[in-house]
C-alpha cells in the first residue's frame, strides 16, 4: 500500500500496525518513497489459520478403516486387471522376433 506523507501523518498508528502485521506500507514524500517495515518481519506462514481437516470425534487408535480401505483398493485393482486382461489388445499375438520374418542371406 502506498500513501502520501500527509495521510501517513493523519493515520500513523494505523499504518504502523499494518506494517507490524506484515503488510507493505510505502510513504511518498516529494517524489521519493520510504518503506515502513518491522525490524523482524513475521513469516508469511505464521499468519496462516489452520483448517479442521479431520472430523471431530474420530478415534485415532482405531485402525479398522485401514483394513476396509485396503480391501476396497484391492477390489478396484482386481477389477482393473480383469478388464485389462479381457481387452482385445491383450489377446494379440506377440510381434515376430527380428530375423524370423526376413530371409537370411547365404554367404558363399
N, C-alpha and C. Protein backbone atom coordinates (compact mmCIF):
# COMPACT_ATOMS: atom_id res chain seq x y z
N UNK A 1 0.85 -1.15 0.00
CA UNK A 1 0.00 0.00 0.00
C UNK A 1 0.90 1.23 0.00
N UNK A 2 0.54 2.21 -0.81
CA UNK A 2 1.33 3.44 -0.90
C UNK A 2 0.46 4.62 -0.51
N UNK A 3 0.96 5.43 0.42
CA UNK A 3 0.20 6.58 0.90
C UNK A 3 1.08 7.83 0.89
N UNK A 4 0.47 9.00 0.67
CA UNK A 4 1.25 10.24 0.76
C UNK A 4 1.59 10.54 2.22
N UNK A 5 2.60 11.37 2.42
CA UNK A 5 3.09 11.65 3.77
C UNK A 5 2.01 12.30 4.64
N UNK A 6 1.13 13.13 4.05
CA UNK A 6 0.08 13.78 4.81
C UNK A 6 -0.89 12.76 5.39
N UNK A 7 -1.29 11.79 4.55
CA UNK A 7 -2.21 10.75 5.03
C UNK A 7 -1.51 9.87 6.07
N UNK A 8 -0.22 9.64 5.90
CA UNK A 8 0.54 8.84 6.86
C UNK A 8 0.56 9.54 8.22
N UNK A 9 0.73 10.88 8.21
CA UNK A 9 0.74 11.62 9.49
C UNK A 9 -0.61 11.55 10.18
N UNK A 10 -1.67 11.57 9.39
CA UNK A 10 -3.00 11.55 9.99
C UNK A 10 -3.32 10.20 10.62
N UNK A 11 -2.84 9.12 9.99
CA UNK A 11 -3.18 7.77 10.46
C UNK A 11 -1.92 6.95 10.74
N UNK A 12 -0.96 7.57 11.37
CA UNK A 12 0.34 6.92 11.58
C UNK A 12 0.22 5.59 12.33
N UNK A 13 -0.60 5.55 13.37
CA UNK A 13 -0.71 4.33 14.18
C UNK A 13 -1.36 3.19 13.39
N UNK A 14 -2.33 3.52 12.55
CA UNK A 14 -2.98 2.50 11.72
C UNK A 14 -1.98 1.88 10.76
N UNK A 15 -1.18 2.74 10.10
CA UNK A 15 -0.21 2.23 9.12
C UNK A 15 0.92 1.44 9.79
N UNK A 16 1.33 1.87 10.97
CA UNK A 16 2.38 1.13 11.69
C UNK A 16 1.85 -0.24 12.10
N UNK A 17 0.60 -0.31 12.56
CA UNK A 17 0.01 -1.61 12.91
C UNK A 17 -0.05 -2.53 11.69
N UNK A 18 -0.42 -1.97 10.54
CA UNK A 18 -0.47 -2.77 9.32
C UNK A 18 0.91 -3.29 8.94
N UNK A 19 1.92 -2.45 9.10
CA UNK A 19 3.29 -2.88 8.80
C UNK A 19 3.73 -3.98 9.76
N UNK A 20 3.35 -3.87 11.03
CA UNK A 20 3.70 -4.90 12.00
C UNK A 20 3.01 -6.22 11.70
N UNK A 21 1.83 -6.16 11.06
CA UNK A 21 1.11 -7.38 10.69
C UNK A 21 1.69 -8.04 9.45
N UNK A 22 2.62 -7.34 8.79
CA UNK A 22 3.27 -7.94 7.63
C UNK A 22 2.89 -7.33 6.30
N UNK A 23 2.00 -6.37 6.28
CA UNK A 23 1.63 -5.70 5.04
C UNK A 23 2.68 -4.65 4.70
N UNK A 24 2.93 -4.47 3.40
CA UNK A 24 3.89 -3.45 2.99
C UNK A 24 3.24 -2.08 3.03
N UNK A 25 3.92 -1.11 3.64
CA UNK A 25 3.44 0.26 3.69
C UNK A 25 4.53 1.14 3.12
N UNK A 26 4.20 1.85 2.05
CA UNK A 26 5.13 2.77 1.41
C UNK A 26 4.61 4.18 1.60
N UNK A 27 5.49 5.10 2.01
CA UNK A 27 5.14 6.51 2.22
C UNK A 27 5.84 7.31 1.14
N UNK A 28 5.07 8.17 0.44
CA UNK A 28 5.63 9.00 -0.63
C UNK A 28 5.80 10.42 -0.11
N UNK A 29 7.00 10.97 -0.31
CA UNK A 29 7.29 12.35 0.10
C UNK A 29 8.21 12.99 -0.93
N UNK A 30 7.73 14.05 -1.59
CA UNK A 30 8.50 14.79 -2.60
C UNK A 30 9.04 13.87 -3.69
N UNK A 31 8.20 12.93 -4.14
CA UNK A 31 8.58 12.05 -5.24
C UNK A 31 9.46 10.87 -4.84
N UNK A 32 9.80 10.78 -3.58
CA UNK A 32 10.63 9.66 -3.11
C UNK A 32 9.78 8.77 -2.22
N UNK A 33 10.15 7.51 -2.19
CA UNK A 33 9.37 6.53 -1.43
C UNK A 33 10.18 5.99 -0.25
N UNK A 34 9.48 5.75 0.84
CA UNK A 34 10.08 5.16 2.04
C UNK A 34 9.19 3.99 2.44
N UNK A 35 9.84 2.88 2.74
CA UNK A 35 9.08 1.69 3.14
C UNK A 35 9.09 1.57 4.65
N UNK A 36 7.92 1.31 5.22
CA UNK A 36 7.79 1.08 6.66
C UNK A 36 7.69 -0.42 6.86
N UNK A 37 8.63 -0.98 7.62
CA UNK A 37 8.65 -2.42 7.87
C UNK A 37 9.13 -2.67 9.29
N UNK A 38 8.64 -3.73 9.93
CA UNK A 38 9.12 -4.05 11.28
C UNK A 38 10.56 -4.56 11.23
N UNK A 39 11.25 -4.44 12.36
CA UNK A 39 12.64 -4.89 12.44
C UNK A 39 12.75 -6.39 12.13
N UNK A 40 11.91 -7.18 12.75
CA UNK A 40 11.87 -8.62 12.50
C UNK A 40 10.49 -8.94 11.95
N UNK A 41 10.40 -9.02 10.64
CA UNK A 41 9.11 -9.25 9.99
C UNK A 41 8.61 -10.66 10.29
N UNK A 42 7.31 -10.80 10.57
CA UNK A 42 6.76 -12.14 10.81
C UNK A 42 6.75 -12.93 9.51
N UNK A 43 6.89 -14.23 9.61
CA UNK A 43 6.86 -15.05 8.41
C UNK A 43 5.44 -15.13 7.87
N UNK A 44 5.32 -15.36 6.58
CA UNK A 44 4.00 -15.47 5.97
C UNK A 44 3.26 -16.69 6.50
N UNK A 45 3.99 -17.73 6.83
CA UNK A 45 3.35 -18.94 7.34
C UNK A 45 2.75 -18.75 8.73
N UNK A 46 3.27 -17.79 9.48
CA UNK A 46 2.73 -17.58 10.83
C UNK A 46 1.33 -16.99 10.79
N UNK A 47 0.94 -16.40 9.65
CA UNK A 47 -0.39 -15.79 9.54
C UNK A 47 -1.43 -16.76 9.02
N UNK A 48 -1.04 -17.97 8.69
CA UNK A 48 -2.00 -18.95 8.16
C UNK A 48 -2.88 -19.47 9.30
N UNK A 49 -4.16 -19.53 9.03
CA UNK A 49 -5.07 -20.09 10.02
C UNK A 49 -5.25 -21.58 9.73
N UNK A 50 -5.15 -22.43 10.72
CA UNK A 50 -5.27 -23.87 10.48
C UNK A 50 -6.70 -24.26 10.13
N UNK A 51 -6.80 -25.30 9.31
CA UNK A 51 -8.11 -25.82 8.93
C UNK A 51 -8.37 -27.12 9.68
N UNK A 52 -9.62 -27.35 10.02
CA UNK A 52 -10.01 -28.61 10.63
C UNK A 52 -10.29 -29.61 9.50
N UNK A 53 -9.33 -30.48 9.25
CA UNK A 53 -9.47 -31.45 8.16
C UNK A 53 -10.09 -32.74 8.67
N UNK A 54 -9.75 -33.11 9.87
CA UNK A 54 -10.25 -34.35 10.45
C UNK A 54 -11.54 -34.07 11.19
N UNK A 55 -12.51 -34.91 10.98
CA UNK A 55 -13.81 -34.75 11.61
C UNK A 55 -13.67 -34.89 13.13
N UNK A 56 -14.28 -33.99 13.88
CA UNK A 56 -14.20 -34.12 15.35
C UNK A 56 -14.82 -35.43 15.81
N UNK A 57 -14.22 -36.03 16.82
CA UNK A 57 -14.74 -37.26 17.39
C UNK A 57 -14.14 -38.52 16.78
N UNK A 58 -13.16 -38.38 15.89
CA UNK A 58 -12.54 -39.55 15.26
C UNK A 58 -11.57 -40.19 16.24
N UNK A 59 -11.63 -41.51 16.32
CA UNK A 59 -10.74 -42.25 17.20
C UNK A 59 -9.49 -42.63 16.41
N UNK A 60 -8.35 -42.05 16.76
CA UNK A 60 -7.11 -42.30 16.03
C UNK A 60 -6.52 -43.67 16.34
N UNK A 61 -6.92 -44.26 17.43
CA UNK A 61 -6.39 -45.57 17.82
C UNK A 61 -7.06 -46.71 17.04
N UNK A 62 -8.22 -46.46 16.46
CA UNK A 62 -8.98 -47.47 15.73
C UNK A 62 -8.43 -47.58 14.30
N UNK A 63 -7.83 -48.73 13.96
CA UNK A 63 -7.24 -48.94 12.64
C UNK A 63 -8.15 -49.72 11.70
N UNK A 64 -9.40 -49.91 12.04
CA UNK A 64 -10.28 -50.72 11.20
C UNK A 64 -10.51 -50.06 9.84
N UNK A 65 -10.44 -48.75 9.76
CA UNK A 65 -10.64 -48.06 8.49
C UNK A 65 -9.54 -48.41 7.49
N UNK A 66 -8.33 -48.71 7.99
CA UNK A 66 -7.23 -49.07 7.09
C UNK A 66 -7.51 -50.39 6.38
N UNK A 67 -8.00 -51.37 7.12
CA UNK A 67 -8.31 -52.68 6.52
C UNK A 67 -9.40 -52.54 5.45
N UNK A 68 -10.42 -51.77 5.77
CA UNK A 68 -11.51 -51.58 4.81
C UNK A 68 -11.02 -50.85 3.56
N UNK A 69 -10.16 -49.86 3.74
CA UNK A 69 -9.63 -49.13 2.61
C UNK A 69 -8.76 -50.03 1.73
N UNK A 70 -7.95 -50.87 2.34
CA UNK A 70 -7.10 -51.79 1.57
C UNK A 70 -7.96 -52.78 0.78
N UNK A 71 -9.02 -53.30 1.39
CA UNK A 71 -9.91 -54.23 0.67
C UNK A 71 -10.53 -53.54 -0.55
N UNK A 72 -10.95 -52.30 -0.38
CA UNK A 72 -11.55 -51.56 -1.49
C UNK A 72 -10.53 -51.33 -2.60
N UNK A 73 -9.30 -50.97 -2.24
CA UNK A 73 -8.24 -50.78 -3.25
C UNK A 73 -8.00 -52.08 -4.01
N UNK A 74 -7.91 -53.20 -3.27
CA UNK A 74 -7.65 -54.49 -3.92
C UNK A 74 -8.79 -54.87 -4.86
N UNK A 75 -10.04 -54.59 -4.46
CA UNK A 75 -11.17 -54.86 -5.36
C UNK A 75 -11.06 -54.04 -6.64
N UNK A 76 -10.70 -52.77 -6.50
CA UNK A 76 -10.54 -51.92 -7.68
C UNK A 76 -9.40 -52.41 -8.57
N UNK A 77 -8.29 -52.80 -7.96
CA UNK A 77 -7.15 -53.30 -8.74
C UNK A 77 -7.53 -54.58 -9.48
N UNK A 78 -8.21 -55.50 -8.78
CA UNK A 78 -8.64 -56.75 -9.42
C UNK A 78 -9.57 -56.46 -10.59
N UNK A 79 -10.50 -55.53 -10.39
CA UNK A 79 -11.42 -55.17 -11.45
C UNK A 79 -10.67 -54.59 -12.65
N UNK A 80 -9.69 -53.74 -12.40
CA UNK A 80 -8.91 -53.15 -13.49
C UNK A 80 -8.05 -54.19 -14.19
N UNK A 81 -7.47 -55.10 -13.43
CA UNK A 81 -6.64 -56.14 -14.04
C UNK A 81 -7.49 -57.08 -14.88
N UNK A 82 -8.69 -57.42 -14.41
CA UNK A 82 -9.57 -58.29 -15.19
C UNK A 82 -9.99 -57.62 -16.49
N UNK A 83 -10.32 -56.34 -16.43
CA UNK A 83 -10.74 -55.64 -17.65
C UNK A 83 -9.57 -55.48 -18.61
N UNK A 84 -8.35 -55.32 -18.10
CA UNK A 84 -7.18 -55.20 -18.97
C UNK A 84 -6.86 -56.54 -19.63
N UNK A 85 -7.05 -57.64 -18.92
CA UNK A 85 -6.74 -58.95 -19.49
C UNK A 85 -7.80 -59.39 -20.50
N UNK A 86 -9.02 -58.85 -20.42
CA UNK A 86 -10.07 -59.19 -21.37
C UNK A 86 -10.11 -58.27 -22.58
N UNK A 87 -9.28 -57.25 -22.60
CA UNK A 87 -9.32 -56.31 -23.72
C UNK A 87 -8.74 -56.96 -24.97
N UNK A 88 -9.20 -56.56 -26.17
CA UNK A 88 -8.73 -57.17 -27.42
C UNK A 88 -7.24 -56.95 -27.66
N UNK A 89 -6.69 -55.85 -27.19
CA UNK A 89 -5.27 -55.58 -27.44
C UNK A 89 -4.38 -56.56 -26.68
N UNK A 90 -4.88 -57.11 -25.57
CA UNK A 90 -4.05 -58.03 -24.79
C UNK A 90 -4.06 -59.43 -25.40
N UNK A 91 -5.01 -59.72 -26.30
CA UNK A 91 -5.09 -61.05 -26.89
C UNK A 91 -4.30 -61.16 -28.20
N UNK A 92 -3.69 -60.08 -28.64
CA UNK A 92 -2.92 -60.13 -29.89
C UNK A 92 -1.69 -61.00 -29.71
N UNK A 93 -1.26 -61.59 -30.82
CA UNK A 93 -0.03 -62.39 -30.78
C UNK A 93 1.16 -61.44 -30.67
N UNK A 94 2.21 -61.88 -30.01
CA UNK A 94 3.37 -61.01 -29.89
C UNK A 94 4.01 -60.80 -31.27
N UNK A 95 4.64 -59.66 -31.47
CA UNK A 95 5.26 -59.40 -32.77
C UNK A 95 6.38 -60.40 -33.03
N UNK A 96 6.64 -60.73 -34.30
CA UNK A 96 7.70 -61.69 -34.60
C UNK A 96 9.06 -61.15 -34.21
N UNK A 97 9.93 -62.04 -33.81
CA UNK A 97 11.28 -61.63 -33.41
C UNK A 97 12.05 -61.22 -34.65
N UNK A 98 13.00 -60.42 -34.47
CA UNK A 98 13.81 -59.93 -35.57
C UNK A 98 14.53 -61.11 -36.23
N UNK A 99 14.45 -61.17 -37.50
CA UNK A 99 15.14 -62.25 -38.22
C UNK A 99 14.19 -63.35 -38.62
N UNK A 100 13.07 -63.53 -37.95
CA UNK A 100 12.12 -64.57 -38.31
C UNK A 100 11.37 -64.20 -39.59
N UNK A 101 11.09 -62.93 -39.78
CA UNK A 101 10.31 -62.55 -40.94
C UNK A 101 11.18 -62.25 -42.15
N UNK A 102 12.47 -62.16 -41.98
CA UNK A 102 13.37 -61.86 -43.08
C UNK A 102 14.05 -63.13 -43.55
N UNK A 103 14.31 -63.14 -44.81
CA UNK A 103 15.08 -64.29 -45.32
C UNK A 103 16.56 -64.06 -45.03
N UNK A 104 17.25 -65.13 -44.74
CA UNK A 104 18.67 -64.99 -44.40
C UNK A 104 19.52 -65.15 -45.66
N UNK A 105 20.56 -64.42 -45.75
CA UNK A 105 21.48 -64.50 -46.89
C UNK A 105 22.46 -65.63 -46.68
N UNK A 106 22.80 -66.23 -47.78
CA UNK A 106 23.86 -67.26 -47.70
C UNK A 106 25.14 -66.68 -48.22
N UNK A 107 26.12 -66.89 -47.48
CA UNK A 107 27.43 -66.43 -47.91
C UNK A 107 28.14 -67.59 -48.61
N UNK A 108 28.65 -67.36 -49.77
CA UNK A 108 29.36 -68.42 -50.48
C UNK A 108 30.80 -68.14 -50.61
